[in-house]
Amino acid sequence: MFDIGWSELLVVGVVGLVVLGPKDLPVAMTKLGQWVAMARFQTQKWWEKMEDEGHRQRFSTTDDDKPDDDRRA
């Protein structure tokens, strides 16, 4: 998705270790992992809702969707 290699991850880890320190880095990584998991879950739910709505729109057969002969110009 982001095309991040091992060298970039290593640089981010070292910078995080220097900035946050060895005590706070695991806590920050845990919080980041939880946030990413929640964002992925919400995105998946949104896509499912959009797909359901698309199927509902495509297969609905209400009178409002049908063209009315009296409205033709």
PDB file of N, CA and C in Angstrom:
ATOM      1  N   MET A   1       0.822  -1.190   0.000  1.00  0.00           N
ATOM      2  CA  MET A   1       0.000   0.000   0.000  1.00  0.00           C
ATOM      3  C   MET A   1       0.866   1.254   0.000  1.00  0.00           C
ATOM      4  N   PHE A   2       1.790   1.358   0.948  1.00  0.00           N
ATOM      5  CA  PHE A   2       2.643   2.538   1.012  1.00  0.00           C
ATOM      6  C   PHE A   2       4.030   2.274   0.446  1.00  0.00           C
ATOM      7  N   ASP A   3       4.338   1.026   0.149  1.00  0.00           N
ATOM      8  CA  ASP A   3       5.628   0.644  -0.402  1.00  0.00           C
ATOM      9  C   ASP A   3       6.773   1.096   0.501  1.00  0.00           C
ATOM     10  N   ILE A   4       6.709   0.685   1.759  1.00  0.00           N
ATOM     11  CA  ILE A   4       7.744   1.004   2.742  1.00  0.00           C
ATOM     12  C   ILE A   4       8.625  -0.228   2.906  1.00  0.00           C
ATOM     13  N   GLY A   5       9.917  -0.042   2.748  1.00  0.00           N
ATOM     14  CA  GLY A   5      10.860  -1.152   2.872  1.00  0.00           C
ATOM     15  C   GLY A   5      11.384  -1.280   4.289  1.00  0.00           C
ATOM     16  N   TRP A   6      12.218  -2.314   4.476  1.00  0.00           N
ATOM     17  CA  TRP A   6      12.778  -2.568   5.800  1.00  0.00           C
ATOM     18  C   TRP A   6      13.712  -1.456   6.253  1.00  0.00           C
ATOM     19  N   SER A   7      14.429  -0.859   5.317  1.00  0.00           N
ATOM     20  CA  SER A   7      15.347   0.212   5.727  1.00  0.00           C
ATOM     21  C   SER A   7      14.586   1.433   6.242  1.00  0.00           C
ATOM     22  N   GLU A   8      13.468   1.752   5.604  1.00  0.00           N
ATOM     23  CA  GLU A   8      12.656   2.881   6.078  1.00  0.00           C
ATOM     24  C   GLU A   8      12.056   2.586   7.442  1.00  0.00           C
ATOM     25  N   LEU A   9      11.606   1.340   7.636  1.00  0.00           N
ATOM     26  CA  LEU A   9      11.060   0.971   8.941  1.00  0.00           C
ATOM     27  C   LEU A   9      12.126   1.041  10.030  1.00  0.00           C
ATOM     28  N   LEU A  10      13.328   0.647   9.692  1.00  0.00           N
ATOM     29  CA  LEU A  10      14.418   0.724  10.650  1.00  0.00           C
ATOM     30  C   LEU A  10      14.711   2.176  11.035  1.00  0.00           C
ATOM     31  N   VAL A  11      14.731   3.066  10.058  1.00  0.00           N
ATOM     32  CA  VAL A  11      14.973   4.490  10.341  1.00  0.00           C
ATOM     33  C   VAL A  11      13.868   5.051  11.224  1.00  0.00           C
ATOM     34  N   VAL A  12      12.612   4.722  10.918  1.00  0.00           N
ATOM     35  CA  VAL A  12      11.494   5.200  11.735  1.00  0.00           C
ATOM     36  C   VAL A  12      11.608   4.653  13.155  1.00  0.00           C
ATOM     37  N   GLY A  13      11.982   3.398  13.295  1.00  0.00           N
ATOM     38  CA  GLY A  13      12.146   2.806  14.624  1.00  0.00           C
ATOM     39  C   GLY A  13      13.250   3.466  15.426  1.00  0.00           C
ATOM     40  N   VAL A  14      14.377   3.735  14.791  1.00  0.00           N
ATOM     41  CA  VAL A  14      15.497   4.378  15.496  1.00  0.00           C
ATOM     42  C   VAL A  14      15.123   5.799  15.899  1.00  0.00           C
ATOM     43  N   VAL A  15      14.480   6.535  14.994  1.00  0.00           N
ATOM     44  CA  VAL A  15      14.054   7.904  15.327  1.00  0.00           C
ATOM     45  C   VAL A  15      13.041   7.873  16.466  1.00  0.00           C
ATOM     46  N   GLY A  16      12.099   6.937  16.414  1.00  0.00           N
ATOM     47  CA  GLY A  16      11.134   6.806  17.502  1.00  0.00           C
ATOM     48  C   GLY A  16      11.794   6.467  18.819  1.00  0.00           C
ATOM     49  N   LEU A  17      12.797   5.608  18.775  1.00  0.00           N
ATOM     50  CA  LEU A  17      13.524   5.237  19.990  1.00  0.00           C
ATOM     51  C   LEU A  17      14.262   6.436  20.572  1.00  0.00           C
ATOM     52  N   VAL A  18      14.856   7.254  19.709  1.00  0.00           N
ATOM     53  CA  VAL A  18      15.587   8.437  20.178  1.00  0.00           C
ATOM     54  C   VAL A  18      14.616   9.485  20.719  1.00  0.00           C
ATOM     55  N   VAL A  19      13.507   9.707  20.020  1.00  0.00           N
ATOM     56  CA  VAL A  19      12.569  10.762  20.420  1.00  0.00           C
ATOM     57  C   VAL A  19      11.765  10.351  21.650  1.00  0.00           C
ATOM     58  N   LEU A  20      11.196   9.163  21.645  1.00  0.00           N
ATOM     59  CA  LEU A  20      10.320   8.745  22.741  1.00  0.00           C
ATOM     60  C   LEU A  20      11.065   8.061  23.877  1.00  0.00           C
ATOM     61  N   GLY A  21      12.142   7.415  23.568  1.00  0.00           N
ATOM     62  CA  GLY A  21      12.888   6.684  24.590  1.00  0.00           C
ATOM     63  C   GLY A  21      12.403   5.251  24.683  1.00  0.00           C
ATOM     64  N   PRO A  22      13.224   4.391  25.289  1.00  0.00           N
ATOM     65  CA  PRO A  22      12.877   2.971  25.354  1.00  0.00           C
ATOM     66  C   PRO A  22      11.677   2.682  26.256  1.00  0.00           C
ATOM     67  N   LYS A  23      11.360   3.591  27.169  1.00  0.00           N
ATOM     68  CA  LYS A  23      10.239   3.367  28.080  1.00  0.00           C
ATOM     69  C   LYS A  23       8.894   3.633  27.404  1.00  0.00           C
ATOM     70  N   ASP A  24       8.794   4.693  26.621  1.00  0.00           N
ATOM     71  CA  ASP A  24       7.520   5.108  26.038  1.00  0.00           C
ATOM     72  C   ASP A  24       7.292   4.568  24.625  1.00  0.00           C
ATOM     73  N   LEU A  25       8.309   4.058  23.968  1.00  0.00           N
ATOM     74  CA  LEU A  25       8.149   3.571  22.598  1.00  0.00           C
ATOM     75  C   LEU A  25       7.169   2.403  22.493  1.00  0.00           C
ATOM     76  N   PRO A  26       7.228   1.377  23.357  1.00  0.00           N
ATOM     77  CA  PRO A  26       6.250   0.289  23.242  1.00  0.00           C
ATOM     78  C   PRO A  26       4.810   0.750  23.466  1.00  0.00           C
ATOM     79  N   VAL A  27       4.615   1.684  24.377  1.00  0.00           N
ATOM     80  CA  VAL A  27       3.271   2.217  24.627  1.00  0.00           C
ATOM     81  C   VAL A  27       2.759   2.954  23.397  1.00  0.00           C
ATOM     82  N   ALA A  28       3.614   3.771  22.786  1.00  0.00           N
ATOM     83  CA  ALA A  28       3.228   4.519  21.596  1.00  0.00           C
ATOM     84  C   ALA A  28       2.939   3.582  20.425  1.00  0.00           C
ATOM     85  N   MET A  29       3.737   2.540  20.270  1.00  0.00           N
ATOM     86  CA  MET A  29       3.512   1.593  19.178  1.00  0.00           C
ATOM     87  C   MET A  29       2.211   0.820  19.380  1.00  0.00           C
ATOM     88  N   THR A  30       1.890   0.481  20.640  1.00  0.00           N
ATOM     89  CA  THR A  30       0.637  -0.202  20.934  1.00  0.00           C
ATOM     90  C   THR A  30      -0.551   0.693  20.596  1.00  0.00           C
ATOM     91  N   LYS A  31      -0.482   1.949  21.002  1.00  0.00           N
ATOM     92  CA  LYS A  31      -1.562   2.894  20.698  1.00  0.00           C
ATOM     93  C   LYS A  31      -1.699   3.099  19.192  1.00  0.00           C
ATOM     94  N   LEU A  32      -0.580   3.193  18.491  1.00  0.00           N
ATOM     95  CA  LEU A  32      -0.619   3.354  17.041  1.00  0.00           C
ATOM     96  C   LEU A  32      -1.246   2.126  16.384  1.00  0.00           C
ATOM     97  N   GLY A  33      -0.880   0.948  16.852  1.00  0.00           N
ATOM     98  CA  GLY A  33      -1.463  -0.283  16.312  1.00  0.00           C
ATOM     99  C   GLY A  33      -2.957  -0.364  16.548  1.00  0.00           C
ATOM    100  N   GLN A  34      -3.408   0.057  17.721  1.00  0.00           N
ATOM    101  CA  GLN A  34      -4.842   0.061  18.011  1.00  0.00           C
ATOM    102  C   GLN A  34      -5.569   1.045  17.112  1.00  0.00           C
ATOM    103  N   TRP A  35      -4.980   2.227  16.895  1.00  0.00           N
ATOM    104  CA  TRP A  35      -5.600   3.236  16.049  1.00  0.00           C
ATOM    105  C   TRP A  35      -5.696   2.755  14.604  1.00  0.00           C
ATOM    106  N   VAL A  36      -4.637   2.140  14.107  1.00  0.00           N
ATOM    107  CA  VAL A  36      -4.640   1.627  12.736  1.00  0.00           C
ATOM    108  C   VAL A  36      -5.665   0.505  12.586  1.00  0.00           C
ATOM    109  N   ALA A  37      -5.753  -0.377  13.573  1.00  0.00           N
ATOM    110  CA  ALA A  37      -6.737  -1.460  13.516  1.00  0.00           C
ATOM    111  C   ALA A  37      -8.156  -0.907  13.507  1.00  0.00           C
ATOM    112  N   MET A  38      -8.425   0.094  14.329  1.00  0.00           N
ATOM    113  CA  MET A  38      -9.757   0.688  14.355  1.00  0.00           C
ATOM    114  C   MET A  38     -10.067   1.401  13.041  1.00  0.00           C
ATOM    115  N   ALA A  39      -9.084   2.090  12.475  1.00  0.00           N
ATOM    116  CA  ALA A  39      -9.296   2.780  11.200  1.00  0.00           C
ATOM    117  C   ALA A  39      -9.567   1.775  10.086  1.00  0.00           C
ATOM    118  N   ARG A  40      -8.855   0.667  10.065  1.00  0.00           N
ATOM    119  CA  ARG A  40      -9.095  -0.365   9.049  1.00  0.00           C
ATOM    120  C   ARG A  40     -10.476  -0.979   9.216  1.00  0.00           C
ATOM    121  N   PHE A  41     -10.882  -1.220  10.461  1.00  0.00           N
ATOM    122  CA  PHE A  41     -12.200  -1.786  10.729  1.00  0.00           C
ATOM    123  C   PHE A  41     -13.303  -0.836  10.255  1.00  0.00           C
ATOM    124  N   GLN A  42     -13.162   0.444  10.574  1.00  0.00           N
ATOM    125  CA  GLN A  42     -14.170   1.418  10.166  1.00  0.00           C
ATOM    126  C   GLN A  42     -14.218   1.556   8.648  1.00  0.00           C
ATOM    127  N   THR A  43     -13.070   1.512   8.004  1.00  0.00           N
ATOM    128  CA  THR A  43     -13.025   1.593   6.547  1.00  0.00           C
ATOM    129  C   THR A  43     -13.709   0.386   5.920  1.00  0.00           C
ATOM    130  N   GLN A  44     -13.467  -0.793   6.456  1.00  0.00           N
ATOM    131  CA  GLN A  44     -14.108  -2.004   5.946  1.00  0.00           C
ATOM    132  C   GLN A  44     -15.621  -1.926   6.111  1.00  0.00           C
ATOM    133  N   LYS A  45     -16.084  -1.449   7.269  1.00  0.00           N
ATOM    134  CA  LYS A  45     -17.522  -1.316   7.487  1.00  0.00           C
ATOM    135  C   LYS A  45     -18.125  -0.311   6.510  1.00  0.00           C
ATOM    136  N   TRP A  46     -17.410   0.778   6.231  1.00  0.00           N
ATOM    137  CA  TRP A  46     -17.894   1.785   5.295  1.00  0.00           C
ATOM    138  C   TRP A  46     -18.024   1.190   3.897  1.00  0.00           C
ATOM    139  N   TRP A  47     -17.016   0.439   3.442  1.00  0.00           N
ATOM    140  CA  TRP A  47     -17.072  -0.186   2.120  1.00  0.00           C
ATOM    141  C   TRP A  47     -18.230  -1.172   2.032  1.00  0.00           C
ATOM    142  N   GLU A  48     -18.440  -1.957   3.100  1.00  0.00           N
ATOM    143  CA  GLU A  48     -19.551  -2.901   3.089  1.00  0.00           C
ATOM    144  C   GLU A  48     -20.882  -2.170   2.981  1.00  0.00           C
ATOM    145  N   LYS A  49     -21.002  -1.064   3.689  1.00  0.00           N
ATOM    146  CA  LYS A  49     -22.240  -0.285   3.636  1.00  0.00           C
ATOM    147  C   LYS A  49     -22.455   0.295   2.231  1.00  0.00           C
ATOM    148  N   MET A  50     -21.380   0.775   1.615  1.00  0.00           N
ATOM    149  CA  MET A  50     -21.506   1.326   0.261  1.00  0.00           C
ATOM    150  C   MET A  50     -21.868   0.239  -0.748  1.00  0.00           C
ATOM    151  N   GLU A  51     -21.291  -0.945  -0.611  1.00  0.00           N
ATOM    152  CA  GLU A  51     -21.624  -2.044  -1.518  1.00  0.00           C
ATOM    153  C   GLU A  51     -23.071  -2.478  -1.335  1.00  0.00           C
ATOM    154  N   ASP A  52     -23.536  -2.556  -0.087  1.00  0.00           N
ATOM    155  CA  ASP A  52     -24.930  -2.921   0.167  1.00  0.00           C
ATOM    156  C   ASP A  52     -25.874  -1.895  -0.438  1.00  0.00           C
ATOM    157  N   GLU A  53     -25.544  -0.632  -0.289  1.00  0.00           N
ATOM    158  CA  GLU A  53     -26.386   0.422  -0.849  1.00  0.00           C
ATOM    159  C   GLU A  53     -26.386   0.366  -2.373  1.00  0.00           C
ATOM    160  N   GLY A  54     -25.243   0.052  -2.959  1.00  0.00           N
ATOM    161  CA  GLY A  54     -25.167  -0.082  -4.417  1.00  0.00           C
ATOM    162  C   GLY A  54     -26.018  -1.228  -4.913  1.00  0.00           C
ATOM    163  N   HIS A  55     -25.994  -2.354  -4.213  1.00  0.00           N
ATOM    164  CA  HIS A  55     -26.838  -3.487  -4.600  1.00  0.00           C
ATOM    165  C   HIS A  55     -28.309  -3.141  -4.423  1.00  0.00           C
ATOM    166  N   ARG A  56     -28.619  -2.444  -3.358  1.00  0.00           N
ATOM    167  CA  ARG A  56     -30.000  -2.058  -3.109  1.00  0.00           C
ATOM    168  C   ARG A  56     -30.498  -1.110  -4.198  1.00  0.00           C
ATOM    169  N   GLN A  57     -29.658  -0.174  -4.607  1.00  0.00           N
ATOM    170  CA  GLN A  57     -30.033   0.768  -5.663  1.00  0.00           C
ATOM    171  C   GLN A  57     -30.197   0.054  -6.992  1.00  0.00           C
ATOM    172  N   ARG A  58     -29.303  -0.873  -7.269  1.00  0.00           N
ATOM    173  CA  ARG A  58     -29.312  -1.561  -8.550  1.00  0.00           C
ATOM    174  C   ARG A  58     -30.525  -2.471  -8.708  1.00  0.00           C
ATOM    175  N   PHE A  59     -30.928  -3.111  -7.630  1.00  0.00           N
ATOM    176  CA  PHE A  59     -31.981  -4.111  -7.734  1.00  0.00           C
ATOM    177  C   PHE A  59     -33.329  -3.640  -7.205  1.00  0.00           C
ATOM    178  N   SER A  60     -33.449  -2.375  -6.882  1.00  0.00           N
ATOM    179  CA  SER A  60     -34.747  -1.889  -6.412  1.00  0.00           C
ATOM    180  C   SER A  60     -35.672  -1.688  -7.606  1.00  0.00           C
ATOM    181  N   THR A  61     -36.946  -1.981  -7.415  1.00  0.00           N
ATOM    182  CA  THR A  61     -37.921  -1.874  -8.499  1.00  0.00           C
ATOM    183  C   THR A  61     -39.107  -1.036  -8.045  1.00  0.00           C
ATOM    184  N   THR A  62     -38.842   0.136  -7.529  1.00  0.00           N
ATOM    185  CA  THR A  62     -39.927   1.019  -7.118  1.00  0.00           C
ATOM    186  C   THR A  62     -40.440   1.787  -8.317  1.00  0.00           C
ATOM    187  N   ASP A  63     -41.617   2.352  -8.185  1.00  0.00           N
ATOM    188  CA  ASP A  63     -42.210   3.123  -9.282  1.00  0.00           C
ATOM    189  C   ASP A  63     -41.461   4.424  -9.531  1.00  0.00           C
ATOM    190  N   ASP A  64     -40.747   4.923  -8.517  1.00  0.00           N
ATOM    191  CA  ASP A  64     -40.000   6.171  -8.691  1.00  0.00           C
ATOM    192  C   ASP A  64     -38.836   6.006  -9.643  1.00  0.00           C
ATOM    193  N   ASP A  65     -38.297   4.802  -9.755  1.00  0.00           N
ATOM    194  CA  ASP A  65     -37.143   4.558 -10.616  1.00  0.00           C
ATOM    195  C   ASP A  65     -37.538   4.393 -12.086  1.00  0.00           C
ATOM    196  N   LYS A  66     -38.793   4.045 -12.332  1.00  0.00           N
ATOM    197  CA  LYS A  66     -39.222   3.795 -13.706  1.00  0.00           C
ATOM    198  C   LYS A  66     -39.580   5.116 -14.385  1.00  0.00           C
ATOM    199  N   PRO A  67     -39.258   5.263 -15.662  1.00  0.00           N
ATOM    200  CA  PRO A  67     -39.625   6.493 -16.364  1.00  0.00           C
ATOM    201  C   PRO A  67     -41.134   6.561 -16.549  1.00  0.00           C
ATOM    202  N   ASP A  68     -41.648   7.755 -16.420  1.00  0.00           N
ATOM    203  CA  ASP A  68     -43.073   7.984 -16.565  1.00  0.00           C
ATOM    204  C   ASP A  68     -43.345   8.514 -17.970  1.00  0.00           C
ATOM    205  N   ASP A  69     -44.283   7.902 -18.687  1.00  0.00           N
ATOM    206  CA  ASP A  69     -44.587   8.322 -20.062  1.00  0.00           C
ATOM    207  C   ASP A  69     -45.168   9.721 -20.123  1.00  0.00           C
ATOM    208  N   ASP A  70     -45.831  10.167 -19.067  1.00  0.00           N
ATOM    209  CA  ASP A  70     -46.440  11.496 -19.060  1.00  0.00           C
ATOM    210  C   ASP A  70     -45.389  12.593 -18.907  1.00  0.00           C
ATOM    211  N   ARG A  71     -44.215  12.276 -18.425  1.00  0.00           N
ATOM    212  CA  ARG A  71     -43.187  13.297 -18.225  1.00  0.00           C
ATOM    213  C   ARG A  71     -42.338  13.534 -19.449  1.00  0.00           C
ATOM    214  N   ARG A  72     -42.526  12.763 -20.495  1.00  0.00           N
ATOM    215  CA  ARG A  72     -41.726  12.962 -21.716  1.00  0.00           C
ATOM    216  C   ARG A  72     -42.119  14.268 -22.398  1.00  0.00           C
ATOM    217  N   ALA A  73     -41.148  14.935 -22.977  1.00  0.00           N
ATOM    218  CA  ALA A  73     -41.416  16.209 -23.648  1.00  0.00           C
ATOM    219  C   ALA A  73     -41.698  15.992 -25.119  1.00  0.00           C
TER     220      ALA A  73
END
